[in-house]
Every structure is written in structure tokens, then in C-alpha cells.
Amino acid sequence: MQRSKPQLLLLLLPAAAVFILFLLLPLFMVVDESFRTFTPGRIGAVAGSPFTVQNYTELFHSAYVRYFAQTYVLAFCASVTAVIIAFPVAYYIARNASKNVRKIWMSALIGLMFLSALVRIYAIELTFGSVGVLAPLVSFFGINMNSVTYINVVIVFGLLHYTIPMSILIMMSGVLDFNPRLTEAAQSLGASAVESHLSVTIPLCIKGIVSAFLVSMTFGISAFAIPWVLGRGKVQFISNLIYSRFSEVANYPSGAAISIVMMILSILLILIISRLAAVLDRKH
């Protein structure tokens, strides 16, 4: 028997209640807190304190700009690197591996994603740190392991621990939906293997590539433990700054303002990249 529209709407009420209670309401409280005045020595804003935009205007200071810049730049570098490394692997698994081998690959990749975060982070630290197995090689080339550049590279490697398995799993579905005969047709018309993959395979898999990039970018932007440990206090992400504002100095209005700006920038980034992907998809 077909349900009426009011009955169908009633089925949505539990999900809507959870959405409002655990997402919209807390988000509204963060927005409200971001416009409040902070009084040193108190935890959070004073009840009934006047509204102000100072928490937002101070974010134009060069120190805050540096936090945002290094977060988005390192997350972008890790996401692009992950997609470049993961796409050939995803293509091989989807097109050349047997069904059973494909299941083994997927199980291994999912297992990597469930590996303890601390195990991953300290594995990178023990590999690239001052007493790591690569320390003699790094010392041989005269690389300063305490430089910000080297620490940035180590943080990117830490992000790749997560983004590469995720990117492979996401792009596999896009490759499986792709018809390989199109690439073969391009090669039969005179295109080389490289040209056919660049002009046919990648454009037709663009949705999966963009999805993998956005998921990796989202993870990189919101990373907390990786820059906290591997950054050695010299490189910190926005999430670390937000934690500091809320937990160490109890400046809730400032932490709330940084959170809102971070969310808006992330949404704009997703919209812009999704729009570009849609344009490229229509062209092909």
C-alpha cells in the first residue's frame, strides 16, 4: 500500500531531530559565541556580553593568515600527491586484478584505514625523525631535520598514510564504471598508450578523481594529531589553533570565529572544485 505524503514526512522526523539537535543547534551556538566579547580570566564569553566583529577582524593578522595558509597548502599538496599515486593503483586493481585479488586489496586498504592513528604517526616519526632509520641518509645530504621545510614534508607524509588508501578505494568505483574500450578505440586511431589515458581515461574518471581529492583535502584540513606530533611545535594546523583557543586560553569567542571561517573556506573550496569538475565533465 502506498504511503501518503504526511506519513512519509513523519518517517523523516527522527533523522531531522537528530540533525537539528546535534548539528544545527551546536553550530548556531558556535556562530553566536564567535560574535561575543572575550574577557581575560574568564572561561568563554560573559553572558549577555555585547556583540562584536573583533574576533573576525583579528584573523587578518599575519600570524593567523600563516596558520590558514600552511594548513590549506599542505593539505592541498598531500591531496594532489595522494591522487597521483593512488590513481594508477586503483586502475590496476579495478582492471587487471581478478575478483578475489580485488577483494584482498580492498580488505587490506580498509584495514590500513582502521590502523591506530598514533601507530601511523609515530611510525612516520621513527622513520623521518632525528633518530629514525633515514636519519643517516638525511644527514649525508646535509638536510636540516629541524627546518620548517623538512617538517612540512614529514607532515605531508603523515597525511599520505591516510589519503592514499582512501583515494584508491574511492577511485576504484569510478574506474570500474569506465568503459575500457574507449581507451582501446583511441589507441586504434593512432594515440599512444599515454595519450589515450591522458585524453580519454582520466577525463572520464574525473568524478572519482575529484571525489578522492575532496575527501583527502577535507581530512588534511581537519587533521589534528598529525601536525600536533609531527609539527614539533613549529608547524600547526588550524585545528591545533582552535584547540589552543578553547582549551589552553579559554578564549571561546576567538576559537568559534576561527572555526566558522575554516568551515566557510572549506565549503567554498568544495563548491569551486565541484563546479570545475562539472565543467570538465560536460566537455568530455
Protein backbone atom coordinates (compact mmCIF):
# COMPACT_ATOMS: atom_id res chain seq x y z
CA MET A 1 0.00 0.00 0.00
CA GLN A 2 1.37 3.40 -0.98
CA ARG A 3 2.02 5.73 1.93
CA SER A 4 0.64 9.27 1.97
CA LYS A 5 2.96 12.27 1.91
CA PRO A 6 2.33 13.20 5.60
CA GLN A 7 3.21 9.63 6.61
CA LEU A 8 6.45 9.78 4.64
CA LEU A 9 7.31 13.10 6.30
CA LEU A 10 6.76 11.52 9.71
CA LEU A 11 9.41 8.94 8.88
CA LEU A 12 11.89 11.77 8.43
CA LEU A 13 11.23 13.29 11.84
CA PRO A 14 13.76 11.17 13.81
CA ALA A 15 16.55 11.96 11.35
CA ALA A 16 15.54 15.62 11.25
CA ALA A 17 15.50 15.81 15.06
CA VAL A 18 18.99 14.31 15.29
CA PHE A 19 20.23 16.67 12.55
CA ILE A 20 18.83 19.74 14.32
CA LEU A 21 19.85 18.69 17.83
CA PHE A 22 23.39 17.53 17.14
CA LEU A 23 24.40 19.67 14.15
CA LEU A 24 22.38 22.82 13.60
CA LEU A 25 21.93 23.77 17.26
CA PRO A 26 25.63 23.36 18.20
CA LEU A 27 26.60 25.21 15.01
CA PHE A 28 24.26 28.07 15.91
CA MET A 29 25.84 28.25 19.37
CA VAL A 30 29.32 28.44 17.80
CA VAL A 31 28.18 31.26 15.50
CA ASP A 32 26.66 33.14 18.43
CA GLU A 33 29.82 32.67 20.52
CA SER A 34 32.01 33.96 17.69
CA PHE A 35 30.39 37.41 17.94
CA ARG A 36 30.75 37.70 21.72
CA THR A 37 33.35 39.73 23.63
CA PHE A 38 36.04 37.78 25.45
CA THR A 39 37.07 38.84 28.95
CA PRO A 40 40.53 37.63 30.02
CA GLY A 41 40.43 35.47 33.12
CA ARG A 42 37.01 34.03 32.34
CA ILE A 43 36.10 30.80 30.57
CA GLY A 44 34.31 31.75 27.38
CA ALA A 45 32.28 34.87 26.81
CA VAL A 46 30.38 36.67 29.54
CA ALA A 47 26.63 36.03 29.44
CA GLY A 48 24.89 38.98 27.84
CA SER A 49 28.15 40.48 26.57
CA PRO A 50 27.83 42.82 23.58
CA PHE A 51 28.25 41.56 20.04
CA THR A 52 31.47 42.38 18.22
CA VAL A 53 33.23 41.52 14.96
CA GLN A 54 36.69 41.86 16.51
CA ASN A 55 37.09 38.07 16.66
CA TYR A 56 36.84 38.03 12.87
CA THR A 57 38.82 41.17 12.05
CA GLU A 58 41.81 39.97 14.07
CA LEU A 59 42.04 36.95 11.77
CA PHE A 60 43.50 39.25 9.10
CA HIS A 61 46.66 39.47 11.21
CA SER A 62 49.66 37.87 9.50
CA ALA A 63 50.01 35.25 12.25
CA TYR A 64 46.52 33.89 11.59
CA VAL A 65 46.98 34.09 7.83
CA ARG A 66 50.07 31.90 8.22
CA TYR A 67 48.06 29.25 10.09
CA PHE A 68 45.42 29.15 7.37
CA ALA A 69 47.98 29.22 4.56
CA GLN A 70 50.12 26.36 5.85
CA THR A 71 47.05 24.26 6.63
CA TYR A 72 45.48 24.57 3.19
CA VAL A 73 48.77 24.43 1.26
CA LEU A 74 49.99 21.26 3.00
CA ALA A 75 46.55 19.64 2.75
CA PHE A 76 46.45 20.52 -0.96
CA CYS A 77 49.94 19.09 -1.58
CA ALA A 78 49.06 15.87 0.25
CA SER A 79 45.75 15.53 -1.62
CA VAL A 80 47.29 16.06 -5.07
CA THR A 81 50.13 13.64 -4.28
CA ALA A 82 47.67 11.05 -2.97
CA VAL A 83 45.54 11.24 -6.12
CA ILE A 84 48.59 10.98 -8.41
CA ILE A 85 49.88 7.92 -6.54
CA ALA A 86 46.50 6.28 -5.97
CA PHE A 87 45.02 6.53 -9.47
CA PRO A 88 47.41 4.04 -11.19
CA VAL A 89 46.96 1.63 -8.26
CA ALA A 90 43.16 1.97 -8.41
CA TYR A 91 43.23 1.46 -12.18
CA TYR A 92 45.37 -1.67 -11.87
CA ILE A 93 43.19 -3.18 -9.15
CA ALA A 94 39.95 -2.40 -11.00
CA ARG A 95 41.08 -3.51 -14.47
CA ASN A 96 43.82 -6.11 -14.11
CA ALA A 97 43.26 -7.85 -10.79
CA SER A 98 40.91 -10.81 -10.55
CA LYS A 99 37.78 -10.63 -8.44
CA ASN A 100 39.38 -12.47 -5.50
CA VAL A 101 42.57 -10.41 -5.67
CA ARG A 102 40.46 -7.26 -5.78
CA LYS A 103 38.72 -8.34 -2.56
CA ILE A 104 42.11 -8.89 -0.91
CA TRP A 105 43.25 -5.42 -1.98
CA MET A 106 40.09 -3.82 -0.65
CA SER A 107 40.37 -5.67 2.66
CA ALA A 108 43.99 -4.58 3.02
CA LEU A 109 43.20 -0.93 2.22
CA ILE A 110 40.26 -0.85 4.63
CA GLY A 111 42.48 -2.46 7.27
CA LEU A 112 45.05 0.31 6.78
CA MET A 113 42.37 2.93 7.40
CA PHE A 114 41.44 1.30 10.71
CA LEU A 115 45.05 1.18 11.90
CA SER A 116 45.61 3.25 15.04
CA ALA A 117 46.33 6.90 14.33
CA LEU A 118 49.10 7.01 16.93
CA VAL A 119 50.76 3.96 15.36
CA ARG A 120 50.78 5.69 11.98
CA ILE A 121 52.06 9.00 13.33
CA TYR A 122 54.86 7.58 15.43
CA ALA A 123 55.83 5.22 12.61
CA ILE A 124 56.45 8.33 10.48
CA GLU A 125 58.29 9.99 13.38
CA LEU A 126 60.54 6.93 13.86
CA THR A 127 61.25 6.84 10.13
CA PHE A 128 61.89 10.52 9.43
CA GLY A 129 62.79 11.76 12.92
CA SER A 130 66.22 12.67 14.27
CA VAL A 131 66.79 9.07 15.47
CA GLY A 132 64.90 7.42 12.62
CA VAL A 133 66.22 4.86 10.16
CA LEU A 134 66.55 7.56 7.48
CA ALA A 135 68.49 9.95 9.74
CA PRO A 136 71.94 8.90 8.41
CA LEU A 137 70.78 9.36 4.82
CA VAL A 138 69.24 12.76 5.57
CA SER A 139 72.40 13.80 7.41
CA PHE A 140 74.53 12.65 4.46
CA PHE A 141 72.72 15.05 2.15
CA GLY A 142 73.07 17.87 4.68
CA ILE A 143 69.34 18.33 5.24
CA ASN A 144 68.41 20.19 8.41
CA MET A 145 65.84 17.99 10.15
CA ASN A 146 64.70 20.90 12.34
CA SER A 147 63.91 23.20 9.43
CA VAL A 148 60.30 24.13 8.74
CA THR A 149 60.58 22.82 5.17
CA TYR A 150 61.63 19.36 6.33
CA ILE A 151 58.89 19.29 8.97
CA ASN A 152 56.32 20.26 6.30
CA VAL A 153 57.46 17.32 4.18
CA VAL A 154 57.15 14.94 7.13
CA ILE A 155 53.62 16.20 7.82
CA VAL A 156 52.68 15.59 4.18
CA PHE A 157 53.97 12.01 4.50
CA GLY A 158 51.85 11.65 7.62
CA LEU A 159 48.76 12.79 5.74
CA LEU A 160 49.53 10.41 2.86
CA HIS A 161 49.24 7.50 5.29
CA TYR A 162 45.50 8.18 5.32
CA THR A 163 44.78 9.85 2.00
CA ILE A 164 46.32 7.23 -0.32
CA PRO A 165 44.18 4.26 0.89
CA MET A 166 41.07 6.44 0.88
CA SER A 167 41.80 7.75 -2.62
CA ILE A 168 42.36 4.24 -4.01
CA LEU A 169 39.05 2.97 -2.62
CA ILE A 170 37.13 6.00 -3.90
CA MET A 171 38.63 5.97 -7.40
CA MET A 172 38.21 2.23 -7.88
CA SER A 173 34.46 2.62 -8.30
CA GLY A 174 34.96 5.32 -10.95
CA VAL A 175 37.41 3.15 -12.87
CA LEU A 176 35.05 0.15 -12.73
CA ASP A 177 32.27 2.25 -14.28
CA PHE A 178 34.59 3.39 -17.08
CA ASN A 179 34.39 1.50 -20.41
CA PRO A 180 37.98 0.44 -21.31
CA ARG A 181 37.02 0.04 -24.97
CA LEU A 182 37.07 3.83 -25.29
CA THR A 183 40.78 3.85 -24.50
CA GLU A 184 41.33 1.00 -26.94
CA ALA A 185 39.45 2.94 -29.61
CA ALA A 186 41.68 5.97 -29.08
CA GLN A 187 44.77 3.79 -29.44
CA SER A 188 43.41 2.20 -32.62
CA LEU A 189 43.08 5.69 -34.08
CA GLY A 190 46.78 6.33 -33.54
CA ALA A 191 47.03 7.63 -29.98
CA SER A 192 49.77 6.23 -27.80
CA ALA A 193 49.01 4.48 -24.50
CA VAL A 194 49.98 7.60 -22.53
CA GLU A 195 47.99 9.95 -24.80
CA SER A 196 44.89 7.74 -24.68
CA HIS A 197 44.95 7.60 -20.89
CA LEU A 198 45.51 11.35 -20.55
CA SER A 199 42.85 12.33 -23.10
CA VAL A 200 40.25 9.58 -22.50
CA THR A 201 40.69 7.62 -19.27
CA ILE A 202 41.41 10.46 -16.85
CA PRO A 203 38.70 12.86 -18.17
CA LEU A 204 36.06 10.11 -18.00
CA CYS A 205 37.14 9.22 -14.45
CA ILE A 206 37.20 12.88 -13.35
CA LYS A 207 34.29 12.48 -10.92
CA GLY A 208 36.08 9.78 -8.96
CA ILE A 209 39.33 11.75 -9.03
CA VAL A 210 37.63 14.90 -7.74
CA SER A 211 35.79 12.93 -5.05
CA ALA A 212 39.06 11.40 -3.86
CA PHE A 213 40.73 14.81 -3.86
CA LEU A 214 37.92 16.44 -1.87
CA VAL A 215 37.83 13.67 0.74
CA SER A 216 41.62 13.85 1.09
CA MET A 217 41.51 17.63 1.28
CA THR A 218 38.81 17.53 3.95
CA PHE A 219 40.86 15.11 6.01
CA GLY A 220 44.01 17.18 5.60
CA ILE A 221 42.37 20.45 6.60
CA SER A 222 40.83 18.95 9.72
CA ALA A 223 43.93 16.93 10.75
CA PHE A 224 44.84 17.42 14.38
CA ALA A 225 47.16 14.71 15.73
CA ILE A 226 49.43 14.61 12.66
CA PRO A 227 50.56 18.28 12.77
CA TRP A 228 50.43 18.24 16.56
CA VAL A 229 53.04 15.46 16.83
CA LEU A 230 54.99 15.73 13.59
CA GLY A 231 54.92 19.54 13.57
CA ARG A 232 57.11 19.66 16.72
CA GLY A 233 55.54 22.97 17.72
CA LYS A 234 56.93 24.73 14.64
CA VAL A 235 54.07 23.87 12.27
CA GLN A 236 50.48 23.81 13.45
CA PHE A 237 47.20 23.49 11.60
CA ILE A 238 44.00 25.45 12.15
CA SER A 239 42.58 22.58 14.22
CA ASN A 240 45.52 22.91 16.62
CA LEU A 241 44.91 26.65 16.87
CA ILE A 242 41.22 26.08 17.61
CA TYR A 243 42.13 23.56 20.32
CA SER A 244 44.53 26.07 21.85
CA ARG A 245 41.89 28.80 21.90
CA PHE A 246 39.27 26.60 23.54
CA SER A 247 41.42 24.54 25.93
CA GLU A 248 44.55 26.49 26.79
CA VAL A 249 43.42 30.13 26.98
CA ALA A 250 39.64 29.53 27.24
CA ASN A 251 39.03 32.15 24.55
CA TYR A 252 35.85 30.60 23.19
CA PRO A 253 34.83 33.58 21.00
CA SER A 254 38.16 33.53 19.13
CA GLY A 255 38.08 29.75 18.74
CA ALA A 256 34.50 29.91 17.49
CA ALA A 257 35.34 32.61 14.93
CA ILE A 258 38.29 30.59 13.61
CA SER A 259 36.03 27.53 13.34
CA ILE A 260 33.39 29.41 11.36
CA VAL A 261 35.94 30.91 8.95
CA MET A 262 37.51 27.49 8.45
CA MET A 263 34.11 25.97 7.68
CA ILE A 264 33.21 28.74 5.19
CA LEU A 265 36.55 28.43 3.38
CA SER A 266 36.16 24.65 3.16
CA ILE A 267 32.64 24.95 1.75
CA LEU A 268 33.81 27.48 -0.84
CA LEU A 269 36.67 25.19 -1.81
CA ILE A 270 34.31 22.25 -2.27
CA LEU A 271 31.90 24.33 -4.36
CA ILE A 272 34.64 25.72 -6.60
CA ILE A 273 36.30 22.35 -7.25
CA SER A 274 32.94 20.61 -7.78
CA ARG A 275 31.97 23.32 -10.25
CA LEU A 276 35.24 22.94 -12.16
CA ALA A 277 34.78 19.17 -12.22
CA ALA A 278 31.26 19.56 -13.62
CA VAL A 279 32.54 21.86 -16.36
CA LEU A 280 35.29 19.40 -17.30
CA ASP A 281 32.82 16.51 -17.25
CA ARG A 282 30.47 18.30 -19.68
CA LYS A 283 33.34 18.99 -22.07
CA HIS A 284 34.02 15.25 -22.30
